[in-house]
Amino acid sequence: MNTFLFAVIPYLAVAIAVIGGIWRYRTDRFSYSSQSSQFLEKRTLFWGSVTWHYGILFVLAAHVLALMFWDPWGIMIADPNRLYAFEIVGLALSVMAFAGLALLLGRRLFRSQVRSVTTTMDWVLLVLLLGQMALGIWIALGYRWGSDWYLHTVVPWLHSLFKLSPDVGYVIVLPAVVKAHAVLGFFLIALFPFTRLVHVVTYPITYLWRPYQVYVWNRRASR
């Protein structure tokens, strides 16, 4: 079971994300956006979106930086004061992201205009993201100093996946909540191309070289 969860699912998730992303772009590229509902309601959207995006971006950045630069990261958190500061800031950002996501979910639940344009996949995504954030906060509160033990367990496991030689021994000793957090993360990766999350990989770089747009007003002359 551990082999399937931590050596098979990660590769399946990435394969589904890549193939599904290409398929969606080739068949329905105009849906490659956040499909914003701002024109229906924007006050709650603003507060929910801002807190969610800023919180999750910094939390994900910490995960990725530790994965890419594990030695400098280990040196940086070797000082207890810095480690404690990172734990506090990380927890605060996680709570902020969770609160923002809860606002976005409540907006779709209680605003009839927004609920009418919410798809089944939107509900699935919001619930899974909320669950993933809840697991992360649970880990931060129940298994302290994650900035440190993450380097010696999850990071080597992810490195083994990149090397196409998965070593599940690093993660099978972890608590069940940490394992669930890791597996759900890859499940979200697999779900990525079939949700609004695809807007993350869309950048308007064509603005740099496309010709100017010409607007022609067609209105009747006043008499």
C-alpha atoms as a PDB file:
ATOM      1  CA  MET A   1       0.000   0.000   0.000  1.00  0.00           C
ATOM      2  CA  ASN A   2       2.816   2.422   0.864  1.00  0.00           C
ATOM      3  CA  THR A   3       4.426   1.715  -2.497  1.00  0.00           C
ATOM      4  CA  PHE A   4       1.210   2.588  -4.297  1.00  0.00           C
ATOM      5  CA  LEU A   5       0.614   5.760  -2.281  1.00  0.00           C
ATOM      6  CA  PHE A   6       4.131   7.166  -2.363  1.00  0.00           C
ATOM      7  CA  ALA A   7       5.770   5.609  -5.431  1.00  0.00           C
ATOM      8  CA  VAL A   8       2.918   5.164  -7.916  1.00  0.00           C
ATOM      9  CA  ILE A   9       0.389   7.926  -7.216  1.00  0.00           C
ATOM     10  CA  PRO A  10       2.944  10.767  -7.623  1.00  0.00           C
ATOM     11  CA  TYR A  11       3.850   9.661 -11.162  1.00  0.00           C
ATOM     12  CA  LEU A  12       0.204   9.042 -12.072  1.00  0.00           C
ATOM     13  CA  ALA A  13      -0.744  12.499 -10.793  1.00  0.00           C
ATOM     14  CA  VAL A  14       1.946  14.268 -12.811  1.00  0.00           C
ATOM     15  CA  ALA A  15       1.107  12.250 -15.946  1.00  0.00           C
ATOM     16  CA  ILE A  16      -2.597  13.077 -15.637  1.00  0.00           C
ATOM     17  CA  ALA A  17      -1.795  16.763 -15.043  1.00  0.00           C
ATOM     18  CA  VAL A  18       0.463  17.029 -18.104  1.00  0.00           C
ATOM     19  CA  ILE A  19      -1.707  15.000 -20.494  1.00  0.00           C
ATOM     20  CA  GLY A  20      -4.929  16.536 -19.184  1.00  0.00           C
ATOM     21  CA  GLY A  21      -3.510  20.050 -19.429  1.00  0.00           C
ATOM     22  CA  ILE A  22      -2.431  19.550 -23.048  1.00  0.00           C
ATOM     23  CA  TRP A  23      -5.755  17.948 -23.943  1.00  0.00           C
ATOM     24  CA  ARG A  24      -7.764  20.794 -22.405  1.00  0.00           C
ATOM     25  CA  TYR A  25      -5.665  23.431 -24.102  1.00  0.00           C
ATOM     26  CA  ARG A  26      -6.040  21.772 -27.507  1.00  0.00           C
ATOM     27  CA  THR A  27      -9.769  21.164 -27.190  1.00  0.00           C
ATOM     28  CA  ASP A  28     -10.964  24.147 -25.151  1.00  0.00           C
ATOM     29  CA  ARG A  29      -8.189  26.700 -24.802  1.00  0.00           C
ATOM     30  CA  PHE A  30     -10.584  29.568 -24.072  1.00  0.00           C
ATOM     31  CA  SER A  31     -11.403  27.915 -20.733  1.00  0.00           C
ATOM     32  CA  TYR A  32      -7.754  28.323 -19.655  1.00  0.00           C
ATOM     33  CA  SER A  33      -8.574  31.074 -17.186  1.00  0.00           C
ATOM     34  CA  SER A  34      -9.866  31.656 -13.677  1.00  0.00           C
ATOM     35  CA  GLN A  35     -13.351  32.199 -15.160  1.00  0.00           C
ATOM     36  CA  SER A  36     -13.821  35.082 -12.769  1.00  0.00           C
ATOM     37  CA  SER A  37     -17.226  35.844 -11.305  1.00  0.00           C
ATOM     38  CA  GLN A  38     -16.208  39.310 -10.159  1.00  0.00           C
ATOM     39  CA  PHE A  39     -18.987  41.027 -12.074  1.00  0.00           C
ATOM     40  CA  LEU A  40     -21.533  39.068  -9.980  1.00  0.00           C
ATOM     41  CA  GLU A  41     -20.061  39.981  -6.582  1.00  0.00           C
ATOM     42  CA  LYS A  42     -16.689  41.510  -5.797  1.00  0.00           C
ATOM     43  CA  ARG A  43     -16.475  42.624  -2.180  1.00  0.00           C
ATOM     44  CA  THR A  44     -16.194  39.149  -0.640  1.00  0.00           C
ATOM     45  CA  LEU A  45     -14.202  38.004  -3.666  1.00  0.00           C
ATOM     46  CA  PHE A  46     -11.620  40.711  -3.027  1.00  0.00           C
ATOM     47  CA  TRP A  47     -11.011  39.846   0.621  1.00  0.00           C
ATOM     48  CA  GLY A  48     -11.162  36.103   0.049  1.00  0.00           C
ATOM     49  CA  SER A  49      -8.953  36.151  -3.025  1.00  0.00           C
ATOM     50  CA  VAL A  50      -6.303  38.477  -1.581  1.00  0.00           C
ATOM     51  CA  THR A  51      -5.892  36.591   1.699  1.00  0.00           C
ATOM     52  CA  TRP A  52      -5.968  33.205  -0.045  1.00  0.00           C
ATOM     53  CA  HIS A  53      -3.472  34.060  -2.766  1.00  0.00           C
ATOM     54  CA  TYR A  54      -0.954  35.880  -0.591  1.00  0.00           C
ATOM     55  CA  GLY A  55      -1.110  33.222   2.109  1.00  0.00           C
ATOM     56  CA  ILE A  56      -0.813  30.181  -0.144  1.00  0.00           C
ATOM     57  CA  LEU A  57       1.876  31.683  -2.387  1.00  0.00           C
ATOM     58  CA  PHE A  58       4.233  32.265   0.540  1.00  0.00           C
ATOM     59  CA  VAL A  59       3.471  28.852   2.045  1.00  0.00           C
ATOM     60  CA  LEU A  60       4.123  27.094  -1.267  1.00  0.00           C
ATOM     61  CA  ALA A  61       7.264  29.170  -1.792  1.00  0.00           C
ATOM     62  CA  ALA A  62       8.647  27.910   1.531  1.00  0.00           C
ATOM     63  CA  HIS A  63       7.956  24.291   0.513  1.00  0.00           C
ATOM     64  CA  VAL A  64       9.612  24.744  -2.890  1.00  0.00           C
ATOM     65  CA  LEU A  65      12.640  26.684  -1.620  1.00  0.00           C
ATOM     66  CA  ALA A  66      13.374  24.026   0.985  1.00  0.00           C
ATOM     67  CA  LEU A  67      13.071  21.391  -1.745  1.00  0.00           C
ATOM     68  CA  MET A  68      15.396  23.197  -4.153  1.00  0.00           C
ATOM     69  CA  PHE A  69      17.951  24.630  -1.727  1.00  0.00           C
ATOM     70  CA  TRP A  70      17.932  22.156   1.124  1.00  0.00           C
ATOM     71  CA  ASP A  71      21.471  22.836   2.373  1.00  0.00           C
ATOM     72  CA  PRO A  72      21.130  26.656   2.613  1.00  0.00           C
ATOM     73  CA  TRP A  73      17.659  26.182   4.078  1.00  0.00           C
ATOM     74  CA  GLY A  74      19.029  23.822   6.721  1.00  0.00           C
ATOM     75  CA  ILE A  75      21.746  26.301   7.639  1.00  0.00           C
ATOM     76  CA  MET A  76      19.224  29.124   7.819  1.00  0.00           C
ATOM     77  CA  ILE A  77      16.893  27.336  10.255  1.00  0.00           C
ATOM     78  CA  ALA A  78      19.738  25.872  12.325  1.00  0.00           C
ATOM     79  CA  ASP A  79      19.393  28.881  14.605  1.00  0.00           C
ATOM     80  CA  PRO A  80      16.488  28.209  17.040  1.00  0.00           C
ATOM     81  CA  ASN A  81      15.286  31.810  16.866  1.00  0.00           C
ATOM     82  CA  ARG A  82      15.012  31.745  13.079  1.00  0.00           C
ATOM     83  CA  LEU A  83      13.326  28.335  13.183  1.00  0.00           C
ATOM     84  CA  TYR A  84      10.786  29.605  15.709  1.00  0.00           C
ATOM     85  CA  ALA A  85      10.147  32.706  13.597  1.00  0.00           C
ATOM     86  CA  PHE A  86       9.581  30.595  10.479  1.00  0.00           C
ATOM     87  CA  GLU A  87       7.144  28.377  12.366  1.00  0.00           C
ATOM     88  CA  ILE A  88       5.116  31.359  13.592  1.00  0.00           C
ATOM     89  CA  VAL A  89       5.073  33.123  10.216  1.00  0.00           C
ATOM     90  CA  GLY A  90       4.228  29.903   8.365  1.00  0.00           C
ATOM     91  CA  LEU A  91       1.333  29.149  10.703  1.00  0.00           C
ATOM     92  CA  ALA A  92       0.007  32.705  10.409  1.00  0.00           C
ATOM     93  CA  LEU A  93       0.140  32.572   6.603  1.00  0.00           C
ATOM     94  CA  SER A  94      -1.582  29.180   6.586  1.00  0.00           C
ATOM     95  CA  VAL A  95      -4.396  30.471   8.782  1.00  0.00           C
ATOM     96  CA  MET A  96      -4.714  33.539   6.540  1.00  0.00           C
ATOM     97  CA  ALA A  97      -4.950  31.357   3.424  1.00  0.00           C
ATOM     98  CA  PHE A  98      -7.492  29.089   5.118  1.00  0.00           C
ATOM     99  CA  ALA A  99      -9.635  32.079   6.099  1.00  0.00           C
ATOM    100  CA  GLY A 100      -9.508  33.448   2.557  1.00  0.00           C
ATOM    101  CA  LEU A 101     -10.502  30.096   1.105  1.00  0.00           C
ATOM    102  CA  ALA A 102     -13.356  29.812   3.598  1.00  0.00           C
ATOM    103  CA  LEU A 103     -14.594  33.230   2.430  1.00  0.00           C
ATOM    104  CA  LEU A 104     -14.490  32.096  -1.189  1.00  0.00           C
ATOM    105  CA  LEU A 105     -16.388  28.922  -0.333  1.00  0.00           C
ATOM    106  CA  GLY A 106     -18.978  30.857   1.679  1.00  0.00           C
ATOM    107  CA  ARG A 107     -19.373  33.306  -1.187  1.00  0.00           C
ATOM    108  CA  ARG A 108     -20.330  30.486  -3.523  1.00  0.00           C
ATOM    109  CA  LEU A 109     -22.612  28.919  -0.945  1.00  0.00           C
ATOM    110  CA  PHE A 110     -24.577  31.986   0.102  1.00  0.00           C
ATOM    111  CA  ARG A 111     -24.550  34.225  -2.979  1.00  0.00           C
ATOM    112  CA  SER A 112     -27.207  32.892  -5.316  1.00  0.00           C
ATOM    113  CA  GLN A 113     -25.768  34.699  -8.355  1.00  0.00           C
ATOM    114  CA  VAL A 114     -22.349  33.147  -7.809  1.00  0.00           C
ATOM    115  CA  ARG A 115     -23.768  29.749  -6.863  1.00  0.00           C
ATOM    116  CA  SER A 116     -25.629  29.588 -10.164  1.00  0.00           C
ATOM    117  CA  VAL A 117     -22.354  29.660 -12.123  1.00  0.00           C
ATOM    118  CA  THR A 118     -20.480  27.276  -9.808  1.00  0.00           C
ATOM    119  CA  THR A 119     -19.749  23.876 -11.311  1.00  0.00           C
ATOM    120  CA  THR A 120     -19.396  20.529  -9.577  1.00  0.00           C
ATOM    121  CA  MET A 121     -15.639  20.681 -10.108  1.00  0.00           C
ATOM    122  CA  ASP A 122     -15.559  24.078  -8.387  1.00  0.00           C
ATOM    123  CA  TRP A 123     -17.149  22.552  -5.286  1.00  0.00           C
ATOM    124  CA  VAL A 124     -14.798  19.574  -5.343  1.00  0.00           C
ATOM    125  CA  LEU A 125     -11.757  21.827  -5.701  1.00  0.00           C
ATOM    126  CA  LEU A 126     -12.775  24.214  -2.908  1.00  0.00           C
ATOM    127  CA  VAL A 127     -13.513  21.394  -0.472  1.00  0.00           C
ATOM    128  CA  LEU A 128     -10.245  19.584  -1.253  1.00  0.00           C
ATOM    129  CA  LEU A 129      -8.202  22.780  -0.947  1.00  0.00           C
ATOM    130  CA  LEU A 130      -9.890  23.570   2.356  1.00  0.00           C
ATOM    131  CA  GLY A 131      -9.129  20.040   3.563  1.00  0.00           C
ATOM    132  CA  GLN A 132      -5.508  20.322   2.449  1.00  0.00           C
ATOM    133  CA  MET A 133      -5.079  23.622   4.286  1.00  0.00           C
ATOM    134  CA  ALA A 134      -6.714  22.158   7.402  1.00  0.00           C
ATOM    135  CA  LEU A 135      -4.264  19.245   7.319  1.00  0.00           C
ATOM    136  CA  GLY A 136      -1.359  21.671   6.963  1.00  0.00           C
ATOM    137  CA  ILE A 137      -2.503  23.694   9.985  1.00  0.00           C
ATOM    138  CA  TRP A 138      -3.036  20.466  11.940  1.00  0.00           C
ATOM    139  CA  ILE A 139       0.544  19.432  11.167  1.00  0.00           C
ATOM    140  CA  ALA A 140       1.903  22.858  12.096  1.00  0.00           C
ATOM    141  CA  LEU A 141       0.144  22.738  15.485  1.00  0.00           C
ATOM    142  CA  GLY A 142       0.570  19.060  16.313  1.00  0.00           C
ATOM    143  CA  TYR A 143       4.004  18.273  14.880  1.00  0.00           C
ATOM    144  CA  ARG A 144       6.173  21.268  15.565  1.00  0.00           C
ATOM    145  CA  TRP A 145       9.385  22.292  13.804  1.00  0.00           C
ATOM    146  CA  GLY A 146       8.192  21.051  10.425  1.00  0.00           C
ATOM    147  CA  SER A 147      10.637  23.419   8.732  1.00  0.00           C
ATOM    148  CA  ASP A 148      13.355  21.116  10.080  1.00  0.00           C
ATOM    149  CA  TRP A 149      12.027  17.549   9.863  1.00  0.00           C
ATOM    150  CA  TYR A 150      10.579  18.285   6.399  1.00  0.00           C
ATOM    151  CA  LEU A 151      14.192  18.514   5.166  1.00  0.00           C
ATOM    152  CA  HIS A 152      15.048  15.030   6.416  1.00  0.00           C
ATOM    153  CA  THR A 153      11.899  13.161   5.376  1.00  0.00           C
ATOM    154  CA  VAL A 154       9.751  14.675   2.647  1.00  0.00           C
ATOM    155  CA  VAL A 155      12.559  16.411   0.733  1.00  0.00           C
ATOM    156  CA  PRO A 156      14.670  13.229   0.258  1.00  0.00           C
ATOM    157  CA  TRP A 157      11.526  11.348  -0.781  1.00  0.00           C
ATOM    158  CA  LEU A 158      10.664  13.984  -3.390  1.00  0.00           C
ATOM    159  CA  HIS A 159      14.270  13.955  -4.619  1.00  0.00           C
ATOM    160  CA  SER A 160      14.038  10.190  -5.070  1.00  0.00           C
ATOM    161  CA  LEU A 161      10.911  10.701  -7.168  1.00  0.00           C
ATOM    162  CA  PHE A 162      12.738  13.182  -9.391  1.00  0.00           C
ATOM    163  CA  LYS A 163      15.532  10.638  -9.825  1.00  0.00           C
ATOM    164  CA  LEU A 164      12.949   7.999 -10.887  1.00  0.00           C
ATOM    165  CA  SER A 165      14.067   5.848  -7.979  1.00  0.00           C
ATOM    166  CA  PRO A 166      11.341   6.355  -5.354  1.00  0.00           C
ATOM    167  CA  ASP A 167      12.368   5.606  -1.780  1.00  0.00           C
ATOM    168  CA  VAL A 168       9.230   5.406   0.362  1.00  0.00           C
ATOM    169  CA  GLY A 169      11.238   4.641   3.468  1.00  0.00           C
ATOM    170  CA  TYR A 170      11.527   8.344   4.202  1.00  0.00           C
ATOM    171  CA  VAL A 171       7.775   8.874   4.519  1.00  0.00           C
ATOM    172  CA  ILE A 172       6.276   5.618   5.800  1.00  0.00           C
ATOM    173  CA  VAL A 173       7.485   6.507   9.311  1.00  0.00           C
ATOM    174  CA  LEU A 174       5.647   9.836   9.283  1.00  0.00           C
ATOM    175  CA  PRO A 175       2.308  10.376  11.098  1.00  0.00           C
ATOM    176  CA  ALA A 176      -0.869   9.561   9.189  1.00  0.00           C
ATOM    177  CA  VAL A 177      -1.863  13.233   8.897  1.00  0.00           C
ATOM    178  CA  VAL A 178       1.424  14.055   7.166  1.00  0.00           C
ATOM    179  CA  LYS A 179       0.976  11.137   4.762  1.00  0.00           C
ATOM    180  CA  ALA A 180      -2.569  12.291   3.984  1.00  0.00           C
ATOM    181  CA  HIS A 181      -1.276  15.817   3.354  1.00  0.00           C
ATOM    182  CA  ALA A 182       1.316  14.502   0.880  1.00  0.00           C
ATOM    183  CA  VAL A 183      -1.085  12.198  -0.987  1.00  0.00           C
ATOM    184  CA  LEU A 184      -3.795  14.860  -1.189  1.00  0.00           C
ATOM    185  CA  GLY A 185      -1.210  17.261  -2.599  1.00  0.00           C
ATOM    186  CA  PHE A 186      -0.557  14.923  -5.516  1.00  0.00           C
ATOM    187  CA  PHE A 187      -4.279  14.347  -5.941  1.00  0.00           C
ATOM    188  CA  LEU A 188      -4.696  18.105  -6.361  1.00  0.00           C
ATOM    189  CA  ILE A 189      -1.920  18.056  -8.969  1.00  0.00           C
ATOM    190  CA  ALA A 190      -3.872  15.416 -10.927  1.00  0.00           C
ATOM    191  CA  LEU A 191      -7.017  17.532 -10.636  1.00  0.00           C
ATOM    192  CA  PHE A 192      -5.205  20.696 -11.680  1.00  0.00           C
ATOM    193  CA  PRO A 193      -5.929  20.755 -15.469  1.00  0.00           C
ATOM    194  CA  PHE A 194      -9.647  20.109 -14.987  1.00  0.00           C
ATOM    195  CA  THR A 195     -10.305  23.067 -12.684  1.00  0.00           C
ATOM    196  CA  ARG A 196      -9.948  26.839 -12.534  1.00  0.00           C
ATOM    197  CA  LEU A 197      -6.428  26.317 -11.194  1.00  0.00           C
ATOM    198  CA  VAL A 198      -5.136  26.223 -14.769  1.00  0.00           C
ATOM    199  CA  HIS A 199      -5.028  30.015 -14.691  1.00  0.00           C
ATOM    200  CA  VAL A 200      -1.793  29.613 -12.703  1.00  0.00           C
ATOM    201  CA  VAL A 201       0.058  28.587 -15.872  1.00  0.00           C
ATOM    202  CA  THR A 202      -1.388  31.276 -18.112  1.00  0.00           C
ATOM    203  CA  TYR A 203       0.700  34.379 -18.538  1.00  0.00           C
ATOM    204  CA  PRO A 204      -0.276  37.194 -20.936  1.00  0.00           C
ATOM    205  CA  ILE A 205       3.202  37.313 -22.511  1.00  0.00           C
ATOM    206  CA  THR A 206       1.716  37.768 -25.976  1.00  0.00           C
ATOM    207  CA  TYR A 207       1.016  41.367 -24.967  1.00  0.00           C
ATOM    208  CA  LEU A 208       4.729  41.997 -25.515  1.00  0.00           C
ATOM    209  CA  TRP A 209       4.618  41.473 -29.270  1.00  0.00           C
ATOM    210  CA  ARG A 210       1.012  41.617 -30.429  1.00  0.00           C
ATOM    211  CA  PRO A 211      -0.019  44.659 -32.515  1.00  0.00           C
ATOM    212  CA  TYR A 212      -1.971  47.477 -31.025  1.00  0.00           C
ATOM    213  CA  GLN A 213      -5.705  46.959 -30.878  1.00  0.00           C
ATOM    214  CA  VAL A 214      -7.759  49.515 -32.757  1.00  0.00           C
ATOM    215  CA  TYR A 215     -11.154  50.427 -31.332  1.00  0.00           C
ATOM    216  CA  VAL A 216     -13.752  51.914 -33.674  1.00  0.00           C
ATOM    217  CA  TRP A 217     -16.763  53.518 -32.079  1.00  0.00           C
ATOM    218  CA  ASN A 218     -19.914  52.918 -34.107  1.00  0.00           C
ATOM    219  CA  ARG A 219     -22.537  55.275 -32.810  1.00  0.00           C
ATOM    220  CA  ARG A 220     -25.092  57.438 -34.496  1.00  0.00           C
ATOM    221  CA  ALA A 221     -24.215  61.081 -34.878  1.00  0.00           C
ATOM    222  CA  SER A 222     -26.277  63.341 -32.687  1.00  0.00           C
ATOM    223  CA  ARG A 223     -28.665  65.640 -34.490  1.00  0.00           C
END
